[in-house]
Amino acid sequence: MNAKKKLKRVCFVLQLKKNRIAAYKRWHQRVWPAQLALLRKAGWHNFSIFVRDDGLLVGYVETPNFKKALADIANNPVNVKWQKIMAGMFQASRRPTEMMKPLPEVFHLD
């Protein structure tokens, strides 16, 4: 079986504080190499983040198992430090990875 067939598409939404959008974008222009390596090792593929002017964040990732992909990064010291920085940028007070709830897919062209 093709590895691409094993990947599941996951989309989620979060809400940034409007006054923190610029800082969030700046941080994501220079994601730490250790954080990028951690995501890849945990099975995060084709990961993208989109942000609307009002702070609506849409994330998209392909992974064999989203719950496992989240669990595999959850307690890593690099991710804990990254999430602590990111947490203050969101309207909710929990870590961003705790708020990532997949949206149900209702259509896919292919």
Protein backbone atom coordinates (compact mmCIF):
# COMPACT_ATOMS: atom_id res chain seq x y z
CA MET A 1 0.00 0.00 0.00
CA ASN A 2 1.20 3.48 -0.90
CA ALA A 3 2.35 5.54 2.14
CA LYS A 4 0.24 8.51 0.95
CA LYS A 5 -2.90 6.33 1.18
CA LYS A 6 -2.19 5.73 4.87
CA LEU A 7 -2.21 9.46 5.67
CA LYS A 8 -5.41 11.04 6.91
CA ARG A 9 -6.24 14.68 6.20
CA VAL A 10 -6.94 16.73 9.32
CA CYS A 11 -8.22 20.30 9.46
CA PHE A 12 -8.75 22.29 12.66
CA VAL A 13 -9.55 25.86 13.62
CA LEU A 14 -8.32 28.00 16.50
CA GLN A 15 -8.75 31.66 17.36
CA LEU A 16 -5.82 34.01 17.87
CA LYS A 17 -6.06 37.19 19.90
CA LYS A 18 -6.31 39.96 17.32
CA ASN A 19 -3.48 41.94 18.91
CA ARG A 20 -1.19 38.86 18.75
CA ILE A 21 -1.60 37.96 15.05
CA ALA A 22 1.55 39.77 13.91
CA ALA A 23 3.66 38.15 16.64
CA TYR A 24 2.24 34.72 15.79
CA LYS A 25 3.17 35.20 12.14
CA ARG A 26 6.68 36.37 13.06
CA TRP A 27 7.27 33.30 15.23
CA HIS A 28 6.16 31.04 12.40
CA GLN A 29 8.60 32.62 9.97
CA ARG A 30 11.38 31.15 12.10
CA VAL A 31 10.13 27.94 13.70
CA TRP A 32 12.95 26.29 15.62
CA PRO A 33 14.71 23.51 13.69
CA ALA A 34 14.26 21.20 16.71
CA GLN A 35 10.49 21.82 16.67
CA LEU A 36 10.31 21.12 12.92
CA ALA A 37 12.28 17.89 13.37
CA LEU A 38 10.01 16.84 16.23
CA LEU A 39 6.87 17.37 14.13
CA ARG A 40 8.31 15.38 11.24
CA LYS A 41 9.42 12.54 13.51
CA ALA A 42 5.93 12.40 15.07
CA GLY A 43 4.33 11.93 11.65
CA TRP A 44 3.19 15.43 10.76
CA HIS A 45 3.18 15.77 6.96
CA ASN A 46 2.10 18.61 4.70
CA PHE A 47 1.37 20.77 7.77
CA SER A 48 0.05 24.23 6.91
CA ILE A 49 -1.34 27.09 8.95
CA PHE A 50 -3.53 29.85 7.53
CA VAL A 51 -4.56 32.98 9.46
CA ARG A 52 -7.36 35.39 8.62
CA ASP A 53 -7.15 39.09 9.55
CA ASP A 54 -9.62 38.60 12.43
CA GLY A 55 -7.40 35.90 13.99
CA LEU A 56 -9.19 32.82 12.73
CA LEU A 57 -6.49 30.17 12.33
CA VAL A 58 -7.03 27.18 10.07
CA GLY A 59 -4.57 24.33 10.34
CA TYR A 60 -4.16 21.41 7.97
CA VAL A 61 -2.00 18.33 8.40
CA GLU A 62 -1.73 14.86 6.94
CA THR A 63 -0.81 12.10 9.37
CA PRO A 64 -1.52 8.42 9.89
CA ASN A 65 -3.07 9.06 13.33
CA PHE A 66 -3.74 12.60 14.57
CA LYS A 67 -4.21 11.65 18.23
CA LYS A 68 -0.89 9.80 18.21
CA ALA A 69 0.81 12.67 16.35
CA LEU A 70 -0.34 15.05 19.10
CA ALA A 71 0.63 12.64 21.87
CA ASP A 72 4.08 12.09 20.38
CA ILE A 73 4.95 15.78 20.71
CA ALA A 74 2.96 16.61 23.86
CA ASN A 75 5.61 16.21 26.54
CA ASN A 76 8.75 16.79 24.52
CA PRO A 77 10.67 19.68 26.16
CA VAL A 78 11.09 21.52 22.85
CA ASN A 79 7.36 21.41 22.16
CA VAL A 80 6.44 22.30 25.75
CA LYS A 81 8.58 25.44 25.48
CA TRP A 82 7.11 26.31 22.03
CA GLN A 83 3.54 25.77 23.23
CA LYS A 84 4.13 27.94 26.29
CA ILE A 85 5.14 30.81 24.00
CA MET A 86 2.19 30.21 21.66
CA ALA A 87 -0.43 29.82 24.40
CA GLY A 88 -0.60 33.54 25.17
CA MET A 89 -1.48 34.28 21.56
CA PHE A 90 -4.78 32.40 21.59
CA GLN A 91 -8.14 33.45 23.00
CA ALA A 92 -8.47 30.24 25.00
CA SER A 93 -6.09 29.67 27.88
CA ARG A 94 -5.10 26.05 27.11
CA ARG A 95 -2.08 24.92 25.11
CA PRO A 96 -2.82 25.14 21.36
CA THR A 97 -2.24 21.41 20.86
CA GLU A 98 -4.94 20.72 23.47
CA MET A 99 -7.43 22.78 21.45
CA MET A 100 -6.82 21.14 18.07
CA LYS A 101 -10.06 19.30 17.39
CA PRO A 102 -10.37 17.90 13.86
CA LEU A 103 -13.25 19.14 11.74
CA PRO A 104 -15.28 16.43 10.00
CA GLU A 105 -14.40 16.16 6.32
CA VAL A 106 -17.51 16.38 4.13
CA PHE A 107 -15.93 16.50 0.67
CA HIS A 108 -12.65 15.75 -1.04
CA LEU A 109 -12.15 16.05 -4.81
CA ASP A 110 -9.89 13.03 -5.18
